[in-house]
N, C-alpha and C. Protein backbone atom coordinates (compact mmCIF):
# COMPACT_ATOMS: atom_id res chain seq x y z
N SER A 1 17.62 13.59 49.76
CA SER A 1 18.39 14.13 48.28
C SER A 1 17.26 13.80 47.11
N LYS A 2 17.53 14.75 46.02
CA LYS A 2 16.33 14.62 44.75
C LYS A 2 16.91 13.29 43.71
N VAL A 3 15.95 12.53 43.50
CA VAL A 3 16.32 11.60 42.79
C VAL A 3 16.45 11.86 41.17
N ALA A 4 17.70 11.60 40.27
CA ALA A 4 17.46 11.80 39.13
C ALA A 4 17.02 11.91 38.22
N PRO A 5 16.27 12.49 36.71
CA PRO A 5 15.19 11.91 36.23
C PRO A 5 15.69 10.87 35.31
N SER A 6 14.69 10.40 34.81
CA SER A 6 14.83 8.85 33.98
C SER A 6 14.75 9.36 32.26
N ILE A 7 15.51 8.46 31.50
CA ILE A 7 15.42 8.66 30.01
C ILE A 7 14.55 7.19 29.96
N TYR A 8 13.63 7.61 28.89
CA TYR A 8 13.09 6.06 28.59
C TYR A 8 12.76 6.42 27.16
N PHE A 9 13.44 4.71 26.71
CA PHE A 9 13.46 4.52 25.09
C PHE A 9 13.52 3.07 24.42
N GLY A 10 13.06 2.86 23.95
CA GLY A 10 12.78 1.43 23.26
C GLY A 10 13.68 1.23 22.08
N ASP A 11 13.77 -0.17 22.09
CA ASP A 11 14.51 -0.77 20.99
C ASP A 11 14.06 -1.87 19.96
N LEU A 12 14.44 -2.21 19.09
CA LEU A 12 14.20 -2.99 17.52
C LEU A 12 13.80 -4.24 18.26
N THR A 13 13.60 -4.70 19.40
CA THR A 13 13.39 -5.99 20.20
C THR A 13 11.86 -5.86 20.97
N ALA A 14 11.53 -4.60 21.01
CA ALA A 14 10.04 -4.41 21.56
C ALA A 14 10.43 -4.63 22.96
N HIS A 15 11.77 -4.09 23.58
CA HIS A 15 11.88 -3.51 25.14
C HIS A 15 11.94 -2.11 25.42
N ALA A 16 11.65 -1.86 26.36
CA ALA A 16 11.38 -0.51 26.72
C ALA A 16 12.16 -0.03 28.00
N TYR A 17 12.92 0.70 27.89
CA TYR A 17 13.94 0.80 28.87
C TYR A 17 13.90 2.66 29.66
N ALA A 18 14.22 2.41 31.19
CA ALA A 18 14.56 3.31 31.76
C ALA A 18 16.03 3.40 32.33
N VAL A 19 16.56 4.76 32.19
CA VAL A 19 18.27 4.58 32.29
C VAL A 19 18.04 6.08 32.99
N ASN A 20 18.89 5.93 34.41
CA ASN A 20 18.93 7.47 35.23
C ASN A 20 19.96 8.46 34.55
N ALA A 21 19.65 9.62 34.18
CA ALA A 21 19.69 10.61 33.21
C ALA A 21 21.25 11.25 33.54
N MET A 22 21.59 11.03 34.50
CA MET A 22 22.85 11.34 35.38
C MET A 22 23.82 10.21 35.20
N THR A 23 23.46 9.14 35.42
CA THR A 23 25.05 8.27 35.24
C THR A 23 24.50 6.84 34.22
N GLY A 24 23.25 6.82 33.94
CA GLY A 24 23.21 5.84 32.48
C GLY A 24 22.64 4.88 33.47
N GLU A 25 22.53 4.60 34.65
CA GLU A 25 22.60 3.24 34.74
C GLU A 25 20.91 2.29 34.84
N LEU A 26 20.97 1.73 34.20
CA LEU A 26 19.74 1.02 34.21
C LEU A 26 18.22 1.20 35.66
N ARG A 27 17.44 1.48 34.71
CA ARG A 27 16.67 1.28 36.46
C ARG A 27 15.63 -0.31 36.26
N TRP A 28 15.01 -0.07 34.84
CA TRP A 28 14.50 -0.91 34.36
C TRP A 28 14.24 -1.39 32.91
N LYS A 29 13.85 -2.50 32.42
CA LYS A 29 13.78 -2.93 31.17
C LYS A 29 12.51 -4.14 31.09
N VAL A 30 11.61 -4.00 29.97
CA VAL A 30 10.64 -4.46 30.22
C VAL A 30 10.37 -5.21 28.59
N LYS A 31 10.15 -6.17 28.35
CA LYS A 31 9.81 -6.68 27.19
C LYS A 31 7.97 -6.61 26.67
N LEU A 32 8.04 -5.57 25.56
CA LEU A 32 6.01 -5.07 25.61
C LEU A 32 5.46 -6.20 24.43
N ASP A 33 6.25 -7.35 23.68
CA ASP A 33 5.60 -8.21 23.01
C ASP A 33 6.80 -8.78 22.32
N ASP A 34 6.32 -10.67 22.62
CA ASP A 34 6.78 -11.45 22.29
C ASP A 34 7.26 -12.02 20.34
N PHE A 35 6.79 -11.43 19.88
CA PHE A 35 6.51 -11.57 18.16
C PHE A 35 7.72 -10.98 18.12
N VAL A 36 8.08 -12.15 16.99
CA VAL A 36 9.58 -12.25 16.92
C VAL A 36 10.33 -10.77 16.28
N GLY A 37 9.59 -10.15 15.32
CA GLY A 37 9.82 -9.31 14.28
C GLY A 37 9.23 -7.58 15.24
N ALA A 38 8.72 -8.04 16.13
CA ALA A 38 7.80 -7.14 17.01
C ALA A 38 9.26 -6.02 17.60
N LYS A 39 8.74 -4.23 17.33
CA LYS A 39 9.70 -3.69 17.36
C LYS A 39 9.28 -1.98 18.04
N ILE A 40 9.98 -0.71 18.33
CA ILE A 40 9.38 0.18 19.24
C ILE A 40 10.47 0.90 17.96
N THR A 41 9.46 1.43 17.35
CA THR A 41 9.95 2.75 16.34
C THR A 41 9.31 4.26 16.56
N GLY A 42 8.11 4.30 17.52
CA GLY A 42 8.04 5.60 17.71
C GLY A 42 8.39 5.95 18.99
N SER A 43 8.29 7.16 19.38
CA SER A 43 8.98 7.70 20.73
C SER A 43 8.25 7.24 21.72
N ILE A 44 8.90 6.89 22.75
CA ILE A 44 7.72 6.91 24.10
C ILE A 44 7.33 8.06 24.65
N VAL A 45 6.13 8.68 24.86
CA VAL A 45 5.14 9.17 25.71
C VAL A 45 4.89 9.50 26.98
N LYS A 46 5.42 10.36 27.93
CA LYS A 46 4.88 10.25 28.92
C LYS A 46 3.64 11.03 29.54
N TYR A 47 3.04 11.04 30.05
CA TYR A 47 1.80 11.61 31.06
C TYR A 47 1.83 11.15 32.07
N GLN A 48 1.48 12.18 33.44
CA GLN A 48 2.16 11.65 35.19
C GLN A 48 3.02 10.78 34.67
N ASN A 49 2.30 9.77 35.28
CA ASN A 49 3.60 8.87 35.53
C ASN A 49 3.01 7.34 35.14
N ARG A 50 2.56 8.04 33.56
CA ARG A 50 2.81 6.41 32.66
C ARG A 50 3.32 7.12 31.20
N LEU A 51 3.99 5.83 30.57
CA LEU A 51 4.37 5.93 29.88
C LEU A 51 3.57 5.54 28.70
N PHE A 52 3.50 6.05 27.53
CA PHE A 52 2.47 5.04 26.76
C PHE A 52 3.39 4.57 25.38
N VAL A 53 3.70 3.72 24.90
CA VAL A 53 4.69 3.00 23.94
C VAL A 53 4.10 2.55 22.88
N PRO A 54 4.29 2.45 22.03
CA PRO A 54 3.74 2.01 20.35
C PRO A 54 4.57 0.68 19.88
N ILE A 55 4.01 0.15 19.31
CA ILE A 55 4.67 -1.17 19.24
C ILE A 55 4.14 -1.72 17.37
N SER A 56 5.56 -1.87 16.70
CA SER A 56 5.48 -2.27 15.65
C SER A 56 5.58 -3.57 15.16
N ALA A 57 5.84 -4.06 13.85
CA ALA A 57 6.76 -5.48 13.47
C ALA A 57 6.76 -5.37 11.68
N ALA A 58 7.88 -6.11 11.88
CA ALA A 58 8.53 -6.92 10.72
C ALA A 58 8.15 -8.04 10.81
N GLN A 59 7.63 -8.79 9.33
CA GLN A 59 7.46 -10.44 9.54
C GLN A 59 8.13 -10.73 7.95
N ASN A 60 8.94 -11.65 7.76
CA ASN A 60 9.76 -11.75 6.53
C ASN A 60 8.74 -13.32 6.01
N SER A 61 9.20 -13.59 4.90
CA SER A 61 8.41 -14.62 3.90
C SER A 61 8.88 -16.22 4.45
N THR A 62 9.61 -16.48 5.29
CA THR A 62 9.63 -17.71 6.10
C THR A 62 8.81 -17.70 7.11
N GLN A 63 8.13 -16.79 7.39
CA GLN A 63 7.35 -17.30 8.74
C GLN A 63 6.31 -17.50 8.33
N THR A 64 5.19 -18.40 9.00
CA THR A 64 3.75 -18.13 9.17
C THR A 64 3.53 -17.15 9.08
N CYS A 65 2.88 -16.50 8.10
CA CYS A 65 2.00 -15.26 7.67
C CYS A 65 0.60 -15.33 7.97
N CYS A 66 0.16 -14.48 8.97
CA CYS A 66 0.57 -12.90 9.52
C CYS A 66 -0.40 -13.22 10.78
N THR A 67 0.87 -13.12 11.51
CA THR A 67 0.24 -13.31 13.12
C THR A 67 1.11 -12.11 14.25
N PHE A 68 1.30 -10.96 13.59
CA PHE A 68 1.52 -9.90 14.71
C PHE A 68 0.07 -9.20 14.15
N ARG A 69 0.14 -8.29 15.82
CA ARG A 69 -1.06 -7.42 15.78
C ARG A 69 -0.12 -6.30 16.25
N GLY A 70 -0.51 -4.77 15.52
CA GLY A 70 -0.27 -3.70 16.25
C GLY A 70 -0.28 -3.27 17.66
N SER A 71 0.04 -2.43 18.44
CA SER A 71 -0.71 -2.43 19.49
C SER A 71 0.08 -1.34 20.38
N VAL A 72 -0.56 -0.34 21.70
CA VAL A 72 -0.04 0.64 22.59
C VAL A 72 -0.03 0.10 24.06
N SER A 73 1.17 0.14 24.51
CA SER A 73 1.24 -0.18 25.92
C SER A 73 1.53 0.89 27.28
N ALA A 74 0.49 1.29 28.34
CA ALA A 74 0.86 1.97 29.14
C ALA A 74 1.51 1.50 29.92
N ILE A 75 2.26 1.94 30.56
CA ILE A 75 3.68 1.31 31.40
C ILE A 75 3.75 2.62 32.81
N ASP A 76 3.90 1.91 34.06
CA ASP A 76 4.41 2.81 35.19
C ASP A 76 5.93 2.94 34.85
N ALA A 77 6.25 4.64 34.44
CA ALA A 77 7.07 5.09 34.79
C ALA A 77 7.99 4.59 35.43
N ASN A 78 7.84 4.31 36.90
CA ASN A 78 8.74 3.94 38.13
C ASN A 78 9.30 2.23 37.96
N SER A 79 8.27 1.48 37.28
CA SER A 79 8.55 0.31 37.50
C SER A 79 8.57 -0.54 36.61
N GLY A 80 8.06 0.28 35.51
CA GLY A 80 7.72 -0.70 34.17
C GLY A 80 7.03 -1.40 34.11
N ARG A 81 6.00 -1.78 34.83
CA ARG A 81 4.87 -2.55 35.08
C ARG A 81 3.81 -1.93 34.12
N VAL A 82 3.21 -3.19 33.23
CA VAL A 82 2.53 -3.12 32.42
C VAL A 82 0.94 -2.63 32.52
N ILE A 83 0.50 -1.78 32.82
CA ILE A 83 -0.91 -0.85 33.24
C ILE A 83 -1.90 -1.64 32.77
N TRP A 84 -1.50 -1.59 30.89
CA TRP A 84 -2.71 -1.84 29.74
C TRP A 84 -1.94 -1.92 28.98
N LYS A 85 -2.55 -3.03 27.93
CA LYS A 85 -2.01 -2.94 26.63
C LYS A 85 -3.22 -3.54 25.58
N THR A 86 -3.06 -2.51 24.48
CA THR A 86 -4.06 -2.70 23.73
C THR A 86 -3.90 -2.58 22.21
N TYR A 87 -4.42 -4.29 21.88
CA TYR A 87 -4.03 -3.95 20.41
C TYR A 87 -5.10 -3.75 19.40
N THR A 88 -4.25 -2.91 18.31
CA THR A 88 -5.03 -2.58 17.56
C THR A 88 -6.05 -2.88 16.64
N ILE A 89 -5.81 -4.44 16.81
CA ILE A 89 -6.82 -5.35 16.21
C ILE A 89 -7.38 -5.85 17.14
N PRO A 90 -8.56 -6.32 17.97
CA PRO A 90 -8.84 -6.41 19.23
C PRO A 90 -8.77 -8.05 18.92
N GLN A 91 -9.40 -8.56 17.95
CA GLN A 91 -9.37 -9.87 17.64
C GLN A 91 -8.14 -11.04 17.53
N LYS A 92 -8.20 -11.94 18.02
CA LYS A 92 -6.96 -12.64 17.42
C LYS A 92 -6.75 -13.64 15.86
N PRO A 93 -5.96 -13.56 15.26
CA PRO A 93 -5.86 -13.50 14.01
C PRO A 93 -6.14 -15.40 13.97
N GLU A 94 -6.95 -15.80 13.07
CA GLU A 94 -7.00 -17.10 12.70
C GLU A 94 -6.93 -16.89 11.17
N GLU A 95 -6.38 -18.71 10.61
CA GLU A 95 -5.99 -19.01 9.47
C GLU A 95 -7.16 -18.72 8.39
N GLN A 96 -6.53 -18.11 7.40
CA GLN A 96 -7.33 -17.67 6.44
C GLN A 96 -7.53 -18.10 4.66
N GLY A 97 -6.05 -19.03 4.97
CA GLY A 97 -6.19 -20.00 3.61
C GLY A 97 -4.62 -20.36 3.96
N LYS A 98 -3.85 -20.25 2.63
CA LYS A 98 -2.45 -20.63 2.33
C LYS A 98 -2.21 -20.43 1.09
N ASN A 99 -0.81 -19.57 1.19
CA ASN A 99 -0.26 -19.15 -0.44
C ASN A 99 0.35 -20.20 -1.20
N ARG A 100 0.76 -20.02 -2.29
CA ARG A 100 1.57 -20.71 -3.11
C ARG A 100 1.89 -21.77 -2.90
N ALA A 101 3.19 -21.86 -1.68
CA ALA A 101 3.81 -22.56 -1.32
C ALA A 101 2.99 -23.64 -0.24
N GLY A 102 1.76 -23.30 0.32
CA GLY A 102 1.01 -24.51 1.56
C GLY A 102 1.78 -23.45 2.99
N VAL A 103 1.64 -22.24 2.92
CA VAL A 103 2.36 -21.61 4.16
C VAL A 103 0.76 -21.20 4.87
N PRO A 104 0.06 -21.73 5.72
CA PRO A 104 -0.58 -21.09 6.07
C PRO A 104 -1.11 -19.38 6.77
N LEU A 105 -2.07 -18.94 5.91
CA LEU A 105 -2.17 -17.11 6.24
C LEU A 105 -2.78 -17.10 7.13
N TYR A 106 -2.84 -16.59 8.29
CA TYR A 106 -3.39 -15.98 9.37
C TYR A 106 -4.11 -14.07 8.96
N GLY A 107 -4.65 -14.23 9.57
CA GLY A 107 -5.43 -12.71 9.57
C GLY A 107 -6.76 -12.46 10.58
N PRO A 108 -7.24 -11.21 10.95
CA PRO A 108 -6.42 -10.16 10.41
C PRO A 108 -5.50 -10.12 11.36
N SER A 109 -4.46 -9.33 10.43
CA SER A 109 -3.03 -8.79 11.06
C SER A 109 -2.51 -7.73 10.84
N GLY A 110 -1.17 -7.44 11.24
CA GLY A 110 -0.99 -5.77 10.93
C GLY A 110 -1.33 -4.77 11.76
N ALA A 111 -1.46 -3.94 11.09
CA ALA A 111 -1.92 -2.73 11.66
C ALA A 111 -0.88 -1.99 12.88
N GLY A 112 0.52 -2.50 12.33
CA GLY A 112 1.33 -2.02 13.70
C GLY A 112 1.49 -0.31 13.63
N VAL A 113 1.85 0.08 14.91
CA VAL A 113 2.08 1.36 15.40
C VAL A 113 3.46 2.18 14.96
N TRP A 114 4.03 2.35 14.02
CA TRP A 114 5.14 3.05 13.86
C TRP A 114 5.08 4.26 14.34
N ASN A 115 4.50 5.32 15.04
CA ASN A 115 4.53 5.98 15.50
C ASN A 115 4.80 6.52 16.59
N THR A 116 4.99 7.84 16.95
CA THR A 116 4.95 8.41 18.25
C THR A 116 3.17 8.42 18.60
N PRO A 117 2.64 8.15 19.59
CA PRO A 117 1.20 8.43 20.01
C PRO A 117 1.17 9.93 20.32
N THR A 118 -0.07 10.50 20.24
CA THR A 118 -0.72 11.83 20.13
C THR A 118 -1.45 12.25 21.80
N LEU A 119 -0.92 12.41 22.44
CA LEU A 119 -2.31 12.73 23.72
C LEU A 119 -2.83 13.82 23.44
N ASP A 120 -4.06 13.68 24.03
CA ASP A 120 -5.21 14.97 24.04
C ASP A 120 -6.08 14.91 25.36
N ILE A 121 -5.12 15.92 26.13
CA ILE A 121 -4.99 15.55 27.56
C ILE A 121 -6.46 16.01 27.88
N LYS A 122 -7.05 17.10 27.32
CA LYS A 122 -8.36 17.65 27.16
C LYS A 122 -9.80 16.20 27.15
N ARG A 123 -9.52 15.47 26.84
CA ARG A 123 -10.39 14.59 25.70
C ARG A 123 -9.89 13.43 26.82
N GLN A 124 -8.95 12.99 27.58
CA GLN A 124 -8.22 12.30 27.81
C GLN A 124 -8.38 11.07 27.06
N ARG A 125 -7.58 11.03 25.47
CA ARG A 125 -7.52 10.19 24.80
C ARG A 125 -6.07 10.04 24.48
N LEU A 126 -5.92 8.87 23.84
CA LEU A 126 -4.46 8.70 22.95
C LEU A 126 -4.81 8.51 21.41
N TYR A 127 -4.29 9.19 20.36
CA TYR A 127 -4.42 8.82 19.03
C TYR A 127 -3.42 8.35 18.22
N VAL A 128 -2.82 7.20 17.71
CA VAL A 128 -2.06 6.58 17.15
C VAL A 128 -2.64 6.47 15.30
N GLY A 129 -1.90 6.32 14.53
CA GLY A 129 -1.41 5.69 13.30
C GLY A 129 -1.59 4.45 13.13
N THR A 130 -2.34 3.54 12.21
CA THR A 130 -1.62 2.18 12.22
C THR A 130 -0.97 2.03 10.61
N GLY A 131 -0.59 1.30 10.21
CA GLY A 131 0.05 0.58 9.19
C GLY A 131 -0.93 -0.11 8.71
N GLU A 132 -0.76 -1.10 7.34
CA GLU A 132 -1.67 -1.40 6.72
C GLU A 132 -2.05 -2.90 7.15
N ASN A 133 -3.11 -3.43 6.86
CA ASN A 133 -3.09 -4.88 7.36
C ASN A 133 -2.40 -5.84 6.31
N SER A 134 -2.03 -7.01 6.79
CA SER A 134 -1.99 -7.59 6.23
C SER A 134 -2.74 -9.25 6.21
N PRO A 135 -2.60 -9.97 5.42
CA PRO A 135 -4.06 -10.15 4.28
C PRO A 135 -5.29 -9.88 5.20
N SER A 136 -6.19 -10.31 4.32
CA SER A 136 -7.67 -10.26 4.99
C SER A 136 -7.89 -10.86 6.37
N PRO A 137 -8.90 -10.40 6.40
CA PRO A 137 -9.58 -9.33 6.55
C PRO A 137 -8.71 -8.21 7.35
N ALA A 138 -9.45 -7.07 6.62
CA ALA A 138 -8.96 -5.77 6.84
C ALA A 138 -9.54 -5.26 7.90
N ILE A 139 -8.89 -4.83 9.21
CA ILE A 139 -9.24 -4.53 10.51
C ILE A 139 -8.48 -3.86 11.34
N ASN A 140 -8.82 -1.98 11.16
CA ASN A 140 -7.85 -1.23 11.85
C ASN A 140 -6.60 -0.89 11.37
N GLY A 141 -6.50 -1.35 10.18
CA GLY A 141 -5.45 -0.70 9.11
C GLY A 141 -5.55 0.34 8.53
N GLY A 142 -4.02 0.89 8.38
CA GLY A 142 -4.19 2.49 7.69
C GLY A 142 -5.24 3.25 8.15
N ALA A 143 -5.66 3.44 9.60
CA ALA A 143 -6.34 3.99 10.25
C ALA A 143 -5.71 4.43 11.10
N ILE A 144 -6.65 5.86 11.78
CA ILE A 144 -6.18 6.50 13.06
C ILE A 144 -7.07 5.98 14.35
N VAL A 145 -6.44 5.46 15.43
CA VAL A 145 -7.38 5.01 16.34
C VAL A 145 -7.10 5.72 17.86
N ALA A 146 -8.14 5.81 18.09
CA ALA A 146 -8.47 6.69 19.19
C ALA A 146 -8.93 5.84 20.97
N MET A 147 -7.62 5.92 21.61
CA MET A 147 -8.05 5.07 22.84
C MET A 147 -7.79 5.75 24.05
N ASP A 148 -8.79 5.63 24.88
CA ASP A 148 -8.61 6.01 26.23
C ASP A 148 -7.48 6.04 26.93
N ILE A 149 -7.22 7.26 27.87
CA ILE A 149 -6.23 6.98 28.10
C ILE A 149 -5.89 5.88 29.91
N SER A 150 -6.98 6.15 29.98
CA SER A 150 -7.32 5.25 31.52
C SER A 150 -7.03 3.82 31.15
N ASP A 151 -7.38 3.16 30.61
CA ASP A 151 -7.79 2.02 30.28
C ASP A 151 -7.37 1.30 28.75
N GLY A 152 -7.07 2.02 28.10
CA GLY A 152 -6.52 1.49 26.29
C GLY A 152 -8.31 1.25 25.69
N ASN A 153 -9.54 1.60 26.26
CA ASN A 153 -9.94 1.15 25.22
C ASN A 153 -10.01 1.49 24.10
N ILE A 154 -10.71 1.08 22.97
CA ILE A 154 -10.95 1.61 22.16
C ILE A 154 -11.84 2.71 21.58
N ALA A 155 -11.60 3.69 21.25
CA ALA A 155 -12.84 4.90 21.57
C ALA A 155 -13.39 4.51 20.48
N TRP A 156 -13.06 4.62 19.31
CA TRP A 156 -12.88 5.05 17.69
C TRP A 156 -12.23 4.70 16.83
N VAL A 157 -12.45 4.67 15.82
CA VAL A 157 -11.36 3.90 14.33
C VAL A 157 -11.85 5.01 13.14
N MET A 158 -11.04 5.40 12.71
CA MET A 158 -11.14 5.91 11.02
C MET A 158 -10.42 5.43 10.31
N GLN A 159 -10.91 4.22 9.65
CA GLN A 159 -10.06 3.66 8.69
C GLN A 159 -9.86 4.19 7.14
N ALA A 160 -8.90 4.77 7.02
CA ALA A 160 -8.73 5.52 5.52
C ALA A 160 -9.27 4.71 3.88
N SER A 161 -8.89 3.29 3.95
CA SER A 161 -9.13 2.53 2.90
C SER A 161 -10.05 1.10 3.61
N PRO A 162 -11.15 1.27 3.99
CA PRO A 162 -11.92 0.57 4.26
C PRO A 162 -12.07 -0.47 3.20
N GLY A 163 -11.52 -2.08 4.44
CA GLY A 163 -11.41 -3.10 3.54
C GLY A 163 -10.10 -3.50 2.58
N GLU A 164 -9.31 -2.53 2.53
CA GLU A 164 -8.12 -2.78 2.09
C GLU A 164 -7.39 -3.98 2.91
N ALA A 165 -6.15 -4.62 2.12
CA ALA A 165 -5.27 -5.45 2.83
C ALA A 165 -3.92 -5.56 2.25
N ASN A 166 -3.27 -5.46 2.87
CA ASN A 166 -1.70 -5.71 1.93
C ASN A 166 -1.18 -7.26 1.62
N ASP A 167 -0.68 -7.65 -0.06
CA ASP A 167 -0.48 -8.41 -0.32
C ASP A 167 1.12 -9.14 0.13
N HIS A 168 1.97 -7.93 0.63
CA HIS A 168 3.14 -7.74 0.94
C HIS A 168 3.55 -9.19 -0.02
N PHE A 169 4.44 -10.18 0.78
CA PHE A 169 4.78 -11.51 0.42
C PHE A 169 4.41 -12.40 0.70
N ASN A 170 3.09 -12.55 0.38
CA ASN A 170 2.00 -13.83 0.74
C ASN A 170 1.73 -14.66 -0.73
N PHE A 171 2.13 -14.15 -1.87
CA PHE A 171 2.21 -15.03 -2.63
C PHE A 171 0.51 -15.16 -3.63
N ASN A 172 0.49 -13.87 -3.61
CA ASN A 172 -0.97 -13.82 -4.30
C ASN A 172 -2.50 -14.16 -3.62
N PHE A 173 -2.36 -14.28 -1.90
CA PHE A 173 -2.80 -14.33 -0.95
C PHE A 173 -4.09 -13.45 -1.42
N PRO A 174 -5.42 -13.41 -1.46
CA PRO A 174 -6.20 -12.51 -2.18
C PRO A 174 -6.90 -11.20 -0.88
N THR A 175 -7.02 -10.03 -1.22
CA THR A 175 -7.50 -9.63 -0.15
C THR A 175 -8.62 -8.94 -1.04
N SER A 176 -8.93 -8.10 -0.06
CA SER A 176 -10.73 -7.51 -0.06
C SER A 176 -11.31 -6.67 -1.01
N SER A 177 -9.47 -5.71 -1.44
CA SER A 177 -9.61 -4.92 -2.12
C SER A 177 -9.05 -5.16 -3.62
N ALA A 178 -9.59 -4.63 -4.71
CA ALA A 178 -8.61 -5.19 -6.04
C ALA A 178 -7.72 -4.08 -5.59
N ASP A 179 -8.39 -2.70 -5.72
CA ASP A 179 -7.68 -1.17 -5.76
C ASP A 179 -7.16 -1.03 -4.79
N SER A 180 -5.97 -1.44 -3.79
CA SER A 180 -5.19 -1.01 -3.16
C SER A 180 -4.97 -0.05 -3.06
N LEU A 181 -4.77 0.74 -2.40
CA LEU A 181 -4.42 2.30 -1.71
C LEU A 181 -3.05 2.07 -0.91
N ALA A 182 -2.94 1.27 -0.53
CA ALA A 182 -1.52 0.92 0.43
C ALA A 182 -1.55 2.43 1.52
N ILE A 183 -2.62 2.67 1.96
CA ILE A 183 -2.23 3.40 3.12
C ILE A 183 -2.11 2.95 4.42
N SER A 184 -0.97 4.07 5.26
CA SER A 184 -0.46 3.87 5.97
C SER A 184 -0.14 5.01 6.83
N PHE A 185 -0.31 5.04 8.03
CA PHE A 185 -0.42 6.39 8.63
C PHE A 185 0.81 6.31 9.46
N GLY A 186 2.09 6.67 9.27
CA GLY A 186 3.33 6.84 9.78
C GLY A 186 3.68 7.94 10.49
N ILE A 187 3.05 8.72 10.60
CA ILE A 187 3.59 10.07 10.79
C ILE A 187 2.89 10.52 11.98
N ILE A 188 3.29 11.94 12.76
CA ILE A 188 3.04 12.06 13.89
C ILE A 188 1.78 13.59 13.40
N ARG A 189 0.64 12.83 14.18
CA ARG A 189 -0.40 13.55 13.88
C ARG A 189 -0.65 14.73 14.83
N LEU A 190 -1.17 15.82 14.61
CA LEU A 190 -0.90 17.57 15.18
C LEU A 190 -2.40 17.36 15.38
N LEU A 191 -2.62 17.20 16.60
CA LEU A 191 -3.75 18.36 17.20
C LEU A 191 -4.44 19.54 17.39
N LEU A 192 -5.05 20.17 17.14
CA LEU A 192 -5.41 21.38 16.63
C LEU A 192 -6.66 21.53 17.94
């Protein structure tokens, strides 16, 4: 007998799901990021037997700020097993200072992937747009990031406003750019 197709989707707690398209029965569920505010806001893209899942997040002023890094995960469409996960900011955040309330501020952070990845099959690349960095240093925020489909390695980055980081709710934590443009790529890119 023929196996029914699957429907793939993500939620606002960074879980990806596969359900039977005929019955709605859950086939698998996987948590792709443990950060409290992590979420999937872009659509999941399928190529061959892999799903490419973008991860973004929201932080609030009651949390130690800011430790989240955007990412893309490639997962097996049949099992939900993570094949690779690439953070848009390769290095882990480190304490950069404290805000006026004495709360530690970490960076680099941010660069969430709020949008649906664009696949370039000819070049075997995946392109995503990132949101802003939250505090400095500003690395890969407000950028287009190209990743290799096979292993997730970052091939190149085009950061629209190098050095820019957003102060959000960090109570005047210094950023590296006085003339912040607040550039964030939250739309689908068209590949021509």
